[in-house]
PDB file of N, CA and C in Angstrom:
ATOM      1  N   MET A   1     -12.839 104.130  44.187  1.00  0.00           N
ATOM      2  CA  MET A   1     -13.242 104.842  45.391  1.00  0.00           C
ATOM      3  C   MET A   1     -14.446 104.149  46.008  1.00  0.00           C
ATOM      4  N   THR A   2     -15.284 103.485  45.241  1.00  0.00           N
ATOM      5  CA  THR A   2     -16.456 102.813  45.765  1.00  0.00           C
ATOM      6  C   THR A   2     -16.022 101.779  46.810  1.00  0.00           C
ATOM      7  N   THR A   3     -14.969 101.026  46.547  1.00  0.00           N
ATOM      8  CA  THR A   3     -14.494 100.059  47.423  1.00  0.00           C
ATOM      9  C   THR A   3     -14.120 100.662  48.781  1.00  0.00           C
ATOM     10  N   VAL A   4     -13.499 101.811  48.773  1.00  0.00           N
ATOM     11  CA  VAL A   4     -13.111 102.519  49.997  1.00  0.00           C
ATOM     12  C   VAL A   4     -14.330 102.831  50.828  1.00  0.00           C
ATOM     13  N   TRP A   5     -15.330 103.406  50.190  1.00  0.00           N
ATOM     14  CA  TRP A   5     -16.502 103.827  50.944  1.00  0.00           C
ATOM     15  C   TRP A   5     -17.291 102.600  51.400  1.00  0.00           C
ATOM     16  N   CYS A   6     -17.278 101.561  50.641  1.00  0.00           N
ATOM     17  CA  CYS A   6     -17.960 100.320  51.043  1.00  0.00           C
ATOM     18  C   CYS A   6     -17.439  99.810  52.333  1.00  0.00           C
ATOM     19  N   LEU A   7     -16.108  99.753  52.488  1.00  0.00           N
ATOM     20  CA  LEU A   7     -15.532  99.269  53.752  1.00  0.00           C
ATOM     21  C   LEU A   7     -15.807 100.256  54.867  1.00  0.00           C
ATOM     22  N   ALA A   8     -15.703 101.529  54.619  1.00  0.00           N
ATOM     23  CA  ALA A   8     -16.011 102.503  55.671  1.00  0.00           C
ATOM     24  C   ALA A   8     -17.417 102.361  56.190  1.00  0.00           C
ATOM     25  N   LEU A   9     -18.385 102.126  55.320  1.00  0.00           N
ATOM     26  CA  LEU A   9     -19.753 101.931  55.760  1.00  0.00           C
ATOM     27  C   LEU A   9     -19.934 100.662  56.503  1.00  0.00           C
ATOM     28  N   LEU A  10     -19.260  99.601  56.052  1.00  0.00           N
ATOM     29  CA  LEU A  10     -19.394  98.300  56.745  1.00  0.00           C
ATOM     30  C   LEU A  10     -18.782  98.315  58.130  1.00  0.00           C
ATOM     31  N   LEU A  11     -17.693  99.022  58.280  1.00  0.00           N
ATOM     32  CA  LEU A  11     -17.041  99.058  59.580  1.00  0.00           C
ATOM     33  C   LEU A  11     -17.782  99.958  60.544  1.00  0.00           C
ATOM     34  N   GLY A  12     -18.480 100.926  60.005  1.00  0.00           N
ATOM     35  CA  GLY A  12     -19.235 101.873  60.818  1.00  0.00           C
ATOM     36  C   GLY A  12     -18.294 102.768  61.583  1.00  0.00           C
ATOM     37  N   ALA A  13     -18.771 103.375  62.625  1.00  0.00           N
ATOM     38  CA  ALA A  13     -17.974 104.289  63.418  1.00  0.00           C
ATOM     39  C   ALA A  13     -17.163 103.477  64.419  1.00  0.00           C
ATOM     40  N   THR A  14     -16.011 102.955  63.974  1.00  0.00           N
ATOM     41  CA  THR A  14     -15.184 102.155  64.845  1.00  0.00           C
ATOM     42  C   THR A  14     -13.814 102.734  64.892  1.00  0.00           C
ATOM     43  N   GLN A  15     -12.963 102.146  65.667  1.00  0.00           N
ATOM     44  CA  GLN A  15     -11.578 102.528  65.761  1.00  0.00           C
ATOM     45  C   GLN A  15     -10.839 102.369  64.426  1.00  0.00           C
ATOM     46  N   TYR A  16     -11.355 101.544  63.560  1.00  0.00           N
ATOM     47  CA  TYR A  16     -10.707 101.267  62.266  1.00  0.00           C
ATOM     48  C   TYR A  16     -10.840 102.421  61.291  1.00  0.00           C
ATOM     49  N   ASP A  17     -11.923 103.194  61.414  1.00  0.00           N
ATOM     50  CA  ASP A  17     -12.207 104.224  60.437  1.00  0.00           C
ATOM     51  C   ASP A  17     -11.069 105.207  60.216  1.00  0.00           C
ATOM     52  N   GLY A  18     -10.476 105.683  61.300  1.00  0.00           N
ATOM     53  CA  GLY A  18      -9.406 106.638  61.171  1.00  0.00           C
ATOM     54  C   GLY A  18      -8.199 106.088  60.438  1.00  0.00           C
ATOM     55  N   THR A  19      -7.808 104.878  60.745  1.00  0.00           N
ATOM     56  CA  THR A  19      -6.679 104.229  60.131  1.00  0.00           C
ATOM     57  C   THR A  19      -6.959 103.969  58.661  1.00  0.00           C
ATOM     58  N   PHE A  20      -8.180 103.494  58.360  1.00  0.00           N
ATOM     59  CA  PHE A  20      -8.538 103.204  56.977  1.00  0.00           C
ATOM     60  C   PHE A  20      -8.539 104.513  56.145  1.00  0.00           C
ATOM     61  N   LYS A  21      -9.036 105.589  56.718  1.00  0.00           N
ATOM     62  CA  LYS A  21      -9.051 106.862  56.039  1.00  0.00           C
ATOM     63  C   LYS A  21      -7.619 107.349  55.790  1.00  0.00           C
ATOM     64  N   GLU A  22      -6.785 107.211  56.787  1.00  0.00           N
ATOM     65  CA  GLU A  22      -5.372 107.624  56.643  1.00  0.00           C
ATOM     66  C   GLU A  22      -4.716 106.827  55.494  1.00  0.00           C
ATOM     67  N   ALA A  23      -4.958 105.539  55.442  1.00  0.00           N
ATOM     68  CA  ALA A  23      -4.418 104.686  54.383  1.00  0.00           C
ATOM     69  C   ALA A  23      -4.918 105.137  53.018  1.00  0.00           C
ATOM     70  N   THR A  24      -6.193 105.388  52.919  1.00  0.00           N
ATOM     71  CA  THR A  24      -6.793 105.763  51.669  1.00  0.00           C
ATOM     72  C   THR A  24      -6.301 107.148  51.213  1.00  0.00           C
ATOM     73  N   ASP A  25      -6.203 108.059  52.147  1.00  0.00           N
ATOM     74  CA  ASP A  25      -5.685 109.411  51.850  1.00  0.00           C
ATOM     75  C   ASP A  25      -4.214 109.323  51.349  1.00  0.00           C
ATOM     76  N   ALA A  26      -3.413 108.513  52.012  1.00  0.00           N
ATOM     77  CA  ALA A  26      -2.020 108.342  51.602  1.00  0.00           C
ATOM     78  C   ALA A  26      -1.968 107.750  50.221  1.00  0.00           C
ATOM     79  N   TYR A  27      -2.798 106.773  49.917  1.00  0.00           N
ATOM     80  CA  TYR A  27      -2.814 106.174  48.572  1.00  0.00           C
ATOM     81  C   TYR A  27      -3.180 107.208  47.533  1.00  0.00           C
ATOM     82  N   ALA A  28      -4.159 108.017  47.793  1.00  0.00           N
ATOM     83  CA  ALA A  28      -4.623 109.050  46.863  1.00  0.00           C
ATOM     84  C   ALA A  28      -3.507 110.075  46.560  1.00  0.00           C
ATOM     85  N   LYS A  29      -2.647 110.317  47.555  1.00  0.00           N
ATOM     86  CA  LYS A  29      -1.517 111.245  47.395  1.00  0.00           C
ATOM     87  C   LYS A  29      -0.265 110.612  46.810  1.00  0.00           C
ATOM     88  N   GLY A  30      -0.350 109.288  46.540  1.00  0.00           N
ATOM     89  CA  GLY A  30       0.818 108.573  45.959  1.00  0.00           C
ATOM     90  C   GLY A  30       1.791 108.132  47.016  1.00  0.00           C
ATOM     91  N   ASN A  31       1.442 108.185  48.278  1.00  0.00           N
ATOM     92  CA  ASN A  31       2.315 107.743  49.363  1.00  0.00           C
ATOM     93  C   ASN A  31       1.993 106.268  49.642  1.00  0.00           C
ATOM     94  N   PHE A  32       2.425 105.442  48.733  1.00  0.00           N
ATOM     95  CA  PHE A  32       2.043 103.990  48.843  1.00  0.00           C
ATOM     96  C   PHE A  32       2.669 103.288  50.026  1.00  0.00           C
ATOM     97  N   GLY A  33       3.860 103.666  50.463  1.00  0.00           N
ATOM     98  CA  GLY A  33       4.441 103.081  51.640  1.00  0.00           C
ATOM     99  C   GLY A  33       3.638 103.339  52.877  1.00  0.00           C
ATOM    100  N   VAL A  34       3.209 104.547  53.039  1.00  0.00           N
ATOM    101  CA  VAL A  34       2.354 104.934  54.172  1.00  0.00           C
ATOM    102  C   VAL A  34       1.027 104.188  54.082  1.00  0.00           C
ATOM    103  N   SER A  35       0.482 104.177  52.893  1.00  0.00           N
ATOM    104  CA  SER A  35      -0.813 103.460  52.673  1.00  0.00           C
ATOM    105  C   SER A  35      -0.696 101.993  53.090  1.00  0.00           C
ATOM    106  N   ILE A  36       0.373 101.342  52.625  1.00  0.00           N
ATOM    107  CA  ILE A  36       0.577  99.911  52.971  1.00  0.00           C
ATOM    108  C   ILE A  36       0.727  99.776  54.455  1.00  0.00           C
ATOM    109  N   ALA A  37       1.489 100.596  55.110  1.00  0.00           N
ATOM    110  CA  ALA A  37       1.668 100.450  56.529  1.00  0.00           C
ATOM    111  C   ALA A  37       0.353 100.602  57.287  1.00  0.00           C
ATOM    112  N   LYS A  38      -0.459 101.540  56.865  1.00  0.00           N
ATOM    113  CA  LYS A  38      -1.763 101.719  57.557  1.00  0.00           C
ATOM    114  C   LYS A  38      -2.720 100.575  57.282  1.00  0.00           C
ATOM    115  N   TYR A  39      -2.798 100.105  56.025  1.00  0.00           N
ATOM    116  CA  TYR A  39      -3.645  98.962  55.761  1.00  0.00           C
ATOM    117  C   TYR A  39      -3.169  97.711  56.512  1.00  0.00           C
ATOM    118  N   GLU A  40      -1.863  97.520  56.547  1.00  0.00           N
ATOM    119  CA  GLU A  40      -1.300  96.373  57.260  1.00  0.00           C
ATOM    120  C   GLU A  40      -1.552  96.490  58.749  1.00  0.00           C
ATOM    121  N   GLU A  41      -1.647  97.696  59.290  1.00  0.00           N
ATOM    122  CA  GLU A  41      -1.989  97.924  60.654  1.00  0.00           C
ATOM    123  C   GLU A  41      -3.390  97.313  60.951  1.00  0.00           C
ATOM    124  N   LEU A  42      -4.277  97.571  60.027  1.00  0.00           N
ATOM    125  CA  LEU A  42      -5.659  97.013  60.182  1.00  0.00           C
ATOM    126  C   LEU A  42      -5.641  95.508  60.129  1.00  0.00           C
ATOM    127  N   VAL A  43      -4.847  94.952  59.217  1.00  0.00           N
ATOM    128  CA  VAL A  43      -4.747  93.516  59.084  1.00  0.00           C
ATOM    129  C   VAL A  43      -4.203  92.897  60.407  1.00  0.00           C
ATOM    130  N   ALA A  44      -3.219  93.576  60.973  1.00  0.00           N
ATOM    131  CA  ALA A  44      -2.599  93.131  62.202  1.00  0.00           C
ATOM    132  C   ALA A  44      -3.571  93.154  63.363  1.00  0.00           C
ATOM    133  N   GLN A  45      -4.582  94.094  63.247  1.00  0.00           N
ATOM    134  CA  GLN A  45      -5.586  94.178  64.277  1.00  0.00           C
ATOM    135  C   GLN A  45      -6.741  93.186  64.108  1.00  0.00           C
ATOM    136  N   GLY A  46      -6.626  92.385  63.055  1.00  0.00           N
ATOM    137  CA  GLY A  46      -7.614  91.304  62.845  1.00  0.00           C
ATOM    138  C   GLY A  46      -8.752  91.660  61.868  1.00  0.00           C
ATOM    139  N   VAL A  47      -8.636  92.777  61.195  1.00  0.00           N
ATOM    140  CA  VAL A  47      -9.634  93.132  60.222  1.00  0.00           C
ATOM    141  C   VAL A  47      -9.515  92.276  59.021  1.00  0.00           C
ATOM    142  N   GLU A  48     -10.604  91.624  58.615  1.00  0.00           N
ATOM    143  CA  GLU A  48     -10.598  90.772  57.403  1.00  0.00           C
ATOM    144  C   GLU A  48     -11.780  91.223  56.599  1.00  0.00           C
ATOM    145  N   HIS A  49     -11.525  91.905  55.531  1.00  0.00           N
ATOM    146  CA  HIS A  49     -12.560  92.373  54.660  1.00  0.00           C
ATOM    147  C   HIS A  49     -12.022  92.403  53.230  1.00  0.00           C
ATOM    148  N   PRO A  50     -12.792  91.958  52.264  1.00  0.00           N
ATOM    149  CA  PRO A  50     -12.276  91.939  50.877  1.00  0.00           C
ATOM    150  C   PRO A  50     -11.839  93.329  50.406  1.00  0.00           C
ATOM    151  N   ALA A  51     -12.520  94.377  50.729  1.00  0.00           N
ATOM    152  CA  ALA A  51     -12.113  95.707  50.263  1.00  0.00           C
ATOM    153  C   ALA A  51     -10.772  96.147  50.844  1.00  0.00           C
ATOM    154  N   LEU A  52     -10.507  95.743  52.124  1.00  0.00           N
ATOM    155  CA  LEU A  52      -9.214  96.053  52.708  1.00  0.00           C
ATOM    156  C   LEU A  52      -8.121  95.352  51.944  1.00  0.00           C
ATOM    157  N   PHE A  53      -8.291  94.064  51.621  1.00  0.00           N
ATOM    158  CA  PHE A  53      -7.227  93.321  50.914  1.00  0.00           C
ATOM    159  C   PHE A  53      -7.101  93.806  49.503  1.00  0.00           C
ATOM    160  N   TYR A  54      -8.193  94.191  48.881  1.00  0.00           N
ATOM    161  CA  TYR A  54      -8.147  94.760  47.511  1.00  0.00           C
ATOM    162  C   TYR A  54      -7.313  96.059  47.503  1.00  0.00           C
ATOM    163  N   ASN A  55      -7.657  96.950  48.442  1.00  0.00           N
ATOM    164  CA  ASN A  55      -6.940  98.232  48.494  1.00  0.00           C
ATOM    165  C   ASN A  55      -5.451  98.012  48.810  1.00  0.00           C
ATOM    166  N   LEU A  56      -5.194  97.095  49.728  1.00  0.00           N
ATOM    167  CA  LEU A  56      -3.799  96.748  50.074  1.00  0.00           C
ATOM    168  C   LEU A  56      -3.104  96.178  48.862  1.00  0.00           C
ATOM    169  N   GLY A  57      -3.766  95.338  48.118  1.00  0.00           N
ATOM    170  CA  GLY A  57      -3.160  94.798  46.873  1.00  0.00           C
ATOM    171  C   GLY A  57      -2.849  95.919  45.900  1.00  0.00           C
ATOM    172  N   ASN A  58      -3.750  96.888  45.772  1.00  0.00           N
ATOM    173  CA  ASN A  58      -3.529  97.999  44.889  1.00  0.00           C
ATOM    174  C   ASN A  58      -2.310  98.833  45.305  1.00  0.00           C
ATOM    175  N   ALA A  59      -2.174  99.027  46.620  1.00  0.00           N
ATOM    176  CA  ALA A  59      -1.029  99.795  47.139  1.00  0.00           C
ATOM    177  C   ALA A  59       0.252  99.061  46.879  1.00  0.00           C
ATOM    178  N   TYR A  60       0.251  97.768  47.112  1.00  0.00           N
ATOM    179  CA  TYR A  60       1.481  96.967  46.817  1.00  0.00           C
ATOM    180  C   TYR A  60       1.798  97.031  45.301  1.00  0.00           C
ATOM    181  N   TYR A  61       0.788  96.891  44.509  1.00  0.00           N
ATOM    182  CA  TYR A  61       1.007  96.943  43.034  1.00  0.00           C
ATOM    183  C   TYR A  61       1.653  98.252  42.641  1.00  0.00           C
ATOM    184  N   ARG A  62       1.109  99.349  43.124  1.00  0.00           N
ATOM    185  CA  ARG A  62       1.606 100.679  42.768  1.00  0.00           C
ATOM    186  C   ARG A  62       3.001 100.951  43.318  1.00  0.00           C
ATOM    187  N   SER A  63       3.392 100.197  44.315  1.00  0.00           N
ATOM    188  CA  SER A  63       4.750 100.341  44.883  1.00  0.00           C
ATOM    189  C   SER A  63       5.719  99.365  44.221  1.00  0.00           C
ATOM    190  N   GLY A  64       5.238  98.585  43.264  1.00  0.00           N
ATOM    191  CA  GLY A  64       6.082  97.657  42.545  1.00  0.00           C
ATOM    192  C   GLY A  64       6.305  96.287  43.201  1.00  0.00           C
ATOM    193  N   ARG A  65       5.540  95.976  44.231  1.00  0.00           N
ATOM    194  CA  ARG A  65       5.658  94.715  44.948  1.00  0.00           C
ATOM    195  C   ARG A  65       4.563  93.796  44.488  1.00  0.00           C
ATOM    196  N   LEU A  66       4.810  93.179  43.291  1.00  0.00           N
ATOM    197  CA  LEU A  66       3.797  92.400  42.636  1.00  0.00           C
ATOM    198  C   LEU A  66       3.383  91.116  43.420  1.00  0.00           C
ATOM    199  N   GLY A  67       4.320  90.444  44.033  1.00  0.00           N
ATOM    200  CA  GLY A  67       3.988  89.255  44.814  1.00  0.00           C
ATOM    201  C   GLY A  67       3.018  89.558  45.938  1.00  0.00           C
ATOM    202  N   ALA A  68       3.272  90.637  46.679  1.00  0.00           N
ATOM    203  CA  ALA A  68       2.399  91.037  47.748  1.00  0.00           C
ATOM    204  C   ALA A  68       1.071  91.483  47.240  1.00  0.00           C
ATOM    205  N   ALA A  69       1.051  92.138  46.067  1.00  0.00           N
ATOM    206  CA  ALA A  69      -0.208  92.575  45.464  1.00  0.00           C
ATOM    207  C   ALA A  69      -1.073  91.346  45.128  1.00  0.00           C
ATOM    208  N   ILE A  70      -0.483  90.420  44.467  1.00  0.00           N
ATOM    209  CA  ILE A  70      -1.229  89.182  44.094  1.00  0.00           C
ATOM    210  C   ILE A  70      -1.747  88.476  45.329  1.00  0.00           C
ATOM    211  N   ALA A  71      -0.937  88.347  46.362  1.00  0.00           N
ATOM    212  CA  ALA A  71      -1.349  87.665  47.545  1.00  0.00           C
ATOM    213  C   ALA A  71      -2.591  88.327  48.176  1.00  0.00           C
ATOM    214  N   ASN A  72      -2.598  89.651  48.166  1.00  0.00           N
ATOM    215  CA  ASN A  72      -3.732  90.371  48.776  1.00  0.00           C
ATOM    216  C   ASN A  72      -4.952  90.336  47.868  1.00  0.00           C
ATOM    217  N   TYR A  73      -4.755  90.325  46.580  1.00  0.00           N
ATOM    218  CA  TYR A  73      -5.925  90.178  45.685  1.00  0.00           C
ATOM    219  C   TYR A  73      -6.547  88.768  45.880  1.00  0.00           C
ATOM    220  N   GLU A  74      -5.714  87.777  46.078  1.00  0.00           N
ATOM    221  CA  GLU A  74      -6.254  86.428  46.378  1.00  0.00           C
ATOM    222  C   GLU A  74      -6.940  86.347  47.707  1.00  0.00           C
ATOM    223  N   ARG A  75      -6.475  87.093  48.699  1.00  0.00           N
ATOM    224  CA  ARG A  75      -7.154  87.128  49.995  1.00  0.00           C
ATOM    225  C   ARG A  75      -8.525  87.782  49.809  1.00  0.00           C
ATOM    226  N   ALA A  76      -8.590  88.823  48.990  1.00  0.00           N
ATOM    227  CA  ALA A  76      -9.876  89.462  48.725  1.00  0.00           C
ATOM    228  C   ALA A  76     -10.853  88.505  48.056  1.00  0.00           C
ATOM    229  N   LEU A  77     -10.360  87.757  47.055  1.00  0.00           N
ATOM    230  CA  LEU A  77     -11.229  86.777  46.350  1.00  0.00           C
ATOM    231  C   LEU A  77     -11.638  85.620  47.260  1.00  0.00           C
ATOM    232  N   ALA A  78     -10.819  85.244  48.189  1.00  0.00           N
ATOM    233  CA  ALA A  78     -11.176  84.172  49.122  1.00  0.00           C
ATOM    234  C   ALA A  78     -12.409  84.586  49.942  1.00  0.00           C
ATOM    235  N   LEU A  79     -12.516  85.846  50.272  1.00  0.00           N
ATOM    236  CA  LEU A  79     -13.605  86.341  51.055  1.00  0.00           C
ATOM    237  C   LEU A  79     -14.785  86.699  50.213  1.00  0.00           C
ATOM    238  N   GLU A  80     -14.558  87.159  48.976  1.00  0.00           N
ATOM    239  CA  GLU A  80     -15.614  87.584  48.063  1.00  0.00           C
ATOM    240  C   GLU A  80     -15.224  87.196  46.653  1.00  0.00           C
ATOM    241  N   PRO A  81     -15.580  85.933  46.283  1.00  0.00           N
ATOM    242  CA  PRO A  81     -15.161  85.378  44.995  1.00  0.00           C
ATOM    243  C   PRO A  81     -15.576  86.164  43.773  1.00  0.00           C
ATOM    244  N   HIS A  82     -16.611  86.989  43.891  1.00  0.00           N
ATOM    245  CA  HIS A  82     -17.074  87.719  42.683  1.00  0.00           C
ATOM    246  C   HIS A  82     -16.741  89.239  42.794  1.00  0.00           C
ATOM    247  N   MET A  83     -15.805  89.578  43.597  1.00  0.00           N
ATOM    248  CA  MET A  83     -15.496  90.979  43.785  1.00  0.00           C
ATOM    249  C   MET A  83     -15.031  91.626  42.502  1.00  0.00           C
ATOM    250  N   GLU A  84     -15.701  92.670  42.140  1.00  0.00           N
ATOM    251  CA  GLU A  84     -15.405  93.391  40.892  1.00  0.00           C
ATOM    252  C   GLU A  84     -14.017  94.029  40.962  1.00  0.00           C
ATOM    253  N   GLY A  85     -13.264  93.939  39.911  1.00  0.00           N
ATOM    254  CA  GLY A  85     -11.998  94.600  39.825  1.00  0.00           C
ATOM    255  C   GLY A  85     -10.816  93.706  40.189  1.00  0.00           C
ATOM    256  N   VAL A  86     -11.002  92.747  41.084  1.00  0.00           N
ATOM    257  CA  VAL A  86      -9.897  91.921  41.527  1.00  0.00           C
ATOM    258  C   VAL A  86      -9.412  91.037  40.415  1.00  0.00           C
ATOM    259  N   ARG A  87     -10.304  90.339  39.749  1.00  0.00           N
ATOM    260  CA  ARG A  87      -9.869  89.456  38.640  1.00  0.00           C
ATOM    261  C   ARG A  87      -9.209  90.242  37.517  1.00  0.00           C
ATOM    262  N   GLU A  88      -9.702  91.437  37.239  1.00  0.00           N
ATOM    263  CA  GLU A  88      -9.083  92.269  36.195  1.00  0.00           C
ATOM    264  C   GLU A  88      -7.657  92.597  36.584  1.00  0.00           C
ATOM    265  N   ASN A  89      -7.452  92.911  37.872  1.00  0.00           N
ATOM    266  CA  ASN A  89      -6.071  93.236  38.321  1.00  0.00           C
ATOM    267  C   ASN A  89      -5.186  92.011  38.228  1.00  0.00           C
ATOM    268  N   LEU A  90      -5.722  90.851  38.536  1.00  0.00           N
ATOM    269  CA  LEU A  90      -4.878  89.653  38.465  1.00  0.00           C
ATOM    270  C   LEU A  90      -4.544  89.294  37.008  1.00  0.00           C
ATOM    271  N   ASP A  91      -5.393  89.653  36.081  1.00  0.00           N
ATOM    272  CA  ASP A  91      -5.200  89.330  34.685  1.00  0.00           C
ATOM    273  C   ASP A  91      -4.189  90.244  34.000  1.00  0.00           C
ATOM    274  N   LYS A  92      -3.785  91.338  34.678  1.00  0.00           N
ATOM    275  CA  LYS A  92      -2.829  92.302  34.106  1.00  0.00           C
ATOM    276  C   LYS A  92      -1.486  91.727  33.972  1.00  0.00           C
TER     277      LYS A  92
END
């Protein structure tokens, strides 16, 4: 959950907050398809942040789409090479 709040704080009060919250809420409820769609909406709008890619990777992982999960974990690492949690997820 720290990652979620980190991104929310970094984005500030922007148009992205609502979409990010919807994605996070959907993930928490186990609605991974909705979560993925909302996170991907942010990506399509040009948001590039390691926490976004990490959360998106987690949603893909939970939905059984391992290739997409790995790709997004790698995107997170490209932006933040020492991001906590990402390497552990890749090692699973």
